[in-house]
Amino acid sequence: MNKRQLVDRMSSESGLTMKQSEKALNGLMDVIHTELSSGGNVSLIGFGVFSVADRKARMARNPKTGEEMEVKARKIPVFKAGSTLKRAVNSR
């Protein structure tokens, strides 16, 4: 499912217009983006938690040249599914 399909589904299930549904989805994504960018997390009980994880620096090899190189430490966004979502996925 892509963003357009998600907005369409949100619109049909909520009774909102397509524009209202798209605005709501964009607002949610903006809040999650802003919170994670500032180092916080977003917890939606039963659905899951969006958070930031640290990746340590490590050595890697360029597959084309075989040259070793360092991959710098970085932060990545992480999503951990909540118990209700896990149960819903496993019941199908």
C-alpha atoms as a PDB file:
ATOM      1  CA  MET A   1       0.000   0.000   0.000  1.00  0.00           C
ATOM      2  CA  ASN A   2       1.409   3.380  -0.947  1.00  0.00           C
ATOM      3  CA  LYS A   3       0.595   6.809   0.506  1.00  0.00           C
ATOM      4  CA  ARG A   4      -2.192   7.545  -1.999  1.00  0.00           C
ATOM      5  CA  GLN A   5      -3.884   4.213  -1.233  1.00  0.00           C
ATOM      6  CA  LEU A   6      -3.523   4.838   2.510  1.00  0.00           C
ATOM      7  CA  VAL A   7      -5.137   8.278   2.211  1.00  0.00           C
ATOM      8  CA  ASP A   8      -7.980   6.765   0.164  1.00  0.00           C
ATOM      9  CA  ARG A   9      -8.536   4.035   2.777  1.00  0.00           C
ATOM     10  CA  MET A  10      -8.392   6.563   5.634  1.00  0.00           C
ATOM     11  CA  SER A  11     -10.956   8.706   3.820  1.00  0.00           C
ATOM     12  CA  SER A  12     -13.395   5.855   3.219  1.00  0.00           C
ATOM     13  CA  GLU A  13     -13.125   4.462   6.762  1.00  0.00           C
ATOM     14  CA  SER A  14     -13.233   7.772   8.644  1.00  0.00           C
ATOM     15  CA  GLY A  15     -15.757   9.737   6.599  1.00  0.00           C
ATOM     16  CA  LEU A  16     -13.204  12.506   6.034  1.00  0.00           C
ATOM     17  CA  THR A  17     -12.562  13.944   2.597  1.00  0.00           C
ATOM     18  CA  MET A  18      -9.422  12.917   0.714  1.00  0.00           C
ATOM     19  CA  LYS A  19      -7.868  16.341   1.416  1.00  0.00           C
ATOM     20  CA  GLN A  20      -8.651  16.089   5.141  1.00  0.00           C
ATOM     21  CA  SER A  21      -7.248  12.564   5.297  1.00  0.00           C
ATOM     22  CA  GLU A  22      -4.086  13.602   3.465  1.00  0.00           C
ATOM     23  CA  LYS A  23      -3.668  16.603   5.780  1.00  0.00           C
ATOM     24  CA  ALA A  24      -4.079  14.350   8.842  1.00  0.00           C
ATOM     25  CA  LEU A  25      -1.545  11.820   7.536  1.00  0.00           C
ATOM     26  CA  ASN A  26       0.952  14.550   6.612  1.00  0.00           C
ATOM     27  CA  GLY A  27       0.501  16.078  10.066  1.00  0.00           C
ATOM     28  CA  LEU A  28       1.189  12.735  11.745  1.00  0.00           C
ATOM     29  CA  MET A  29       4.295  12.163   9.639  1.00  0.00           C
ATOM     30  CA  ASP A  30       5.525  15.713  10.371  1.00  0.00           C
ATOM     31  CA  VAL A  31       5.121  15.218  14.128  1.00  0.00           C
ATOM     32  CA  ILE A  32       6.965  11.875  14.032  1.00  0.00           C
ATOM     33  CA  HIS A  33       9.728  13.392  11.866  1.00  0.00           C
ATOM     34  CA  THR A  34      10.148  16.400  14.177  1.00  0.00           C
ATOM     35  CA  GLU A  35      10.149  14.312  17.344  1.00  0.00           C
ATOM     36  CA  LEU A  36      12.688  11.787  16.039  1.00  0.00           C
ATOM     37  CA  SER A  37      14.895  14.576  14.648  1.00  0.00           C
ATOM     38  CA  SER A  38      15.095  16.074  18.132  1.00  0.00           C
ATOM     39  CA  GLY A  39      16.052  12.696  19.651  1.00  0.00           C
ATOM     40  CA  GLY A  40      12.646  11.852  21.121  1.00  0.00           C
ATOM     41  CA  ASN A  41      10.243   9.018  20.433  1.00  0.00           C
ATOM     42  CA  VAL A  42       6.557   8.593  19.593  1.00  0.00           C
ATOM     43  CA  SER A  43       4.639   5.872  21.425  1.00  0.00           C
ATOM     44  CA  LEU A  44       1.212   4.760  20.197  1.00  0.00           C
ATOM     45  CA  ILE A  45      -0.075   2.244  22.744  1.00  0.00           C
ATOM     46  CA  GLY A  46      -0.913  -1.072  21.083  1.00  0.00           C
ATOM     47  CA  PHE A  47       0.443   0.060  17.707  1.00  0.00           C
ATOM     48  CA  GLY A  48       4.130   0.629  18.375  1.00  0.00           C
ATOM     49  CA  VAL A  49       6.976   2.994  19.143  1.00  0.00           C
ATOM     50  CA  PHE A  50       8.949   5.130  16.714  1.00  0.00           C
ATOM     51  CA  SER A  51      12.395   5.888  18.159  1.00  0.00           C
ATOM     52  CA  VAL A  52      16.015   6.615  17.277  1.00  0.00           C
ATOM     53  CA  ALA A  53      18.821   4.050  17.629  1.00  0.00           C
ATOM     54  CA  ASP A  54      22.573   4.598  17.510  1.00  0.00           C
ATOM     55  CA  ARG A  55      24.706   2.594  15.106  1.00  0.00           C
ATOM     56  CA  LYS A  56      28.365   2.258  16.061  1.00  0.00           C
ATOM     57  CA  ALA A  57      31.182   2.994  13.651  1.00  0.00           C
ATOM     58  CA  ARG A  58      32.447  -0.130  11.908  1.00  0.00           C
ATOM     59  CA  MET A  59      34.791  -1.311   9.218  1.00  0.00           C
ATOM     60  CA  ALA A  60      33.305  -2.411   5.889  1.00  0.00           C
ATOM     61  CA  ARG A  61      34.652  -3.553   2.557  1.00  0.00           C
ATOM     62  CA  ASN A  62      33.883  -1.967  -0.807  1.00  0.00           C
ATOM     63  CA  PRO A  63      32.526  -4.942  -2.802  1.00  0.00           C
ATOM     64  CA  LYS A  64      33.790  -3.522  -6.087  1.00  0.00           C
ATOM     65  CA  THR A  65      37.403  -2.753  -5.098  1.00  0.00           C
ATOM     66  CA  GLY A  66      37.836  -4.833  -1.950  1.00  0.00           C
ATOM     67  CA  GLU A  67      39.148  -1.730  -0.160  1.00  0.00           C
ATOM     68  CA  GLU A  68      38.416  -1.528   3.577  1.00  0.00           C
ATOM     69  CA  MET A  69      36.737   1.632   4.763  1.00  0.00           C
ATOM     70  CA  GLU A  70      35.183   2.979   7.935  1.00  0.00           C
ATOM     71  CA  VAL A  71      31.431   3.455   8.129  1.00  0.00           C
ATOM     72  CA  LYS A  72      30.873   6.335  10.558  1.00  0.00           C
ATOM     73  CA  ALA A  73      28.602   6.116  13.587  1.00  0.00           C
ATOM     74  CA  ARG A  74      25.088   7.328  12.861  1.00  0.00           C
ATOM     75  CA  LYS A  75      21.537   7.449  14.143  1.00  0.00           C
ATOM     76  CA  ILE A  76      18.698   5.581  12.448  1.00  0.00           C
ATOM     77  CA  PRO A  77      14.906   5.659  12.860  1.00  0.00           C
ATOM     78  CA  VAL A  78      13.448   2.481  14.344  1.00  0.00           C
ATOM     79  CA  PHE A  79       9.883   1.169  14.664  1.00  0.00           C
ATOM     80  CA  LYS A  80       9.007  -1.485  17.227  1.00  0.00           C
ATOM     81  CA  ALA A  81       5.547  -3.012  16.795  1.00  0.00           C
ATOM     82  CA  GLY A  82       3.214  -3.049  19.794  1.00  0.00           C
ATOM     83  CA  SER A  83       1.462  -6.112  21.166  1.00  0.00           C
ATOM     84  CA  THR A  84      -1.923  -5.377  19.560  1.00  0.00           C
ATOM     85  CA  LEU A  85      -0.353  -4.944  16.125  1.00  0.00           C
ATOM     86  CA  LYS A  86       1.702  -8.132  16.549  1.00  0.00           C
ATOM     87  CA  ARG A  87      -1.414 -10.113  17.488  1.00  0.00           C
ATOM     88  CA  ALA A  88      -3.334  -8.711  14.502  1.00  0.00           C
ATOM     89  CA  VAL A  89      -0.551  -9.686  12.097  1.00  0.00           C
ATOM     90  CA  ASN A  90      -0.218 -13.190  13.534  1.00  0.00           C
ATOM     91  CA  SER A  91      -3.963 -13.906  13.570  1.00  0.00           C
ATOM     92  CA  ARG A  92      -4.256 -13.721   9.767  1.00  0.00           C
END
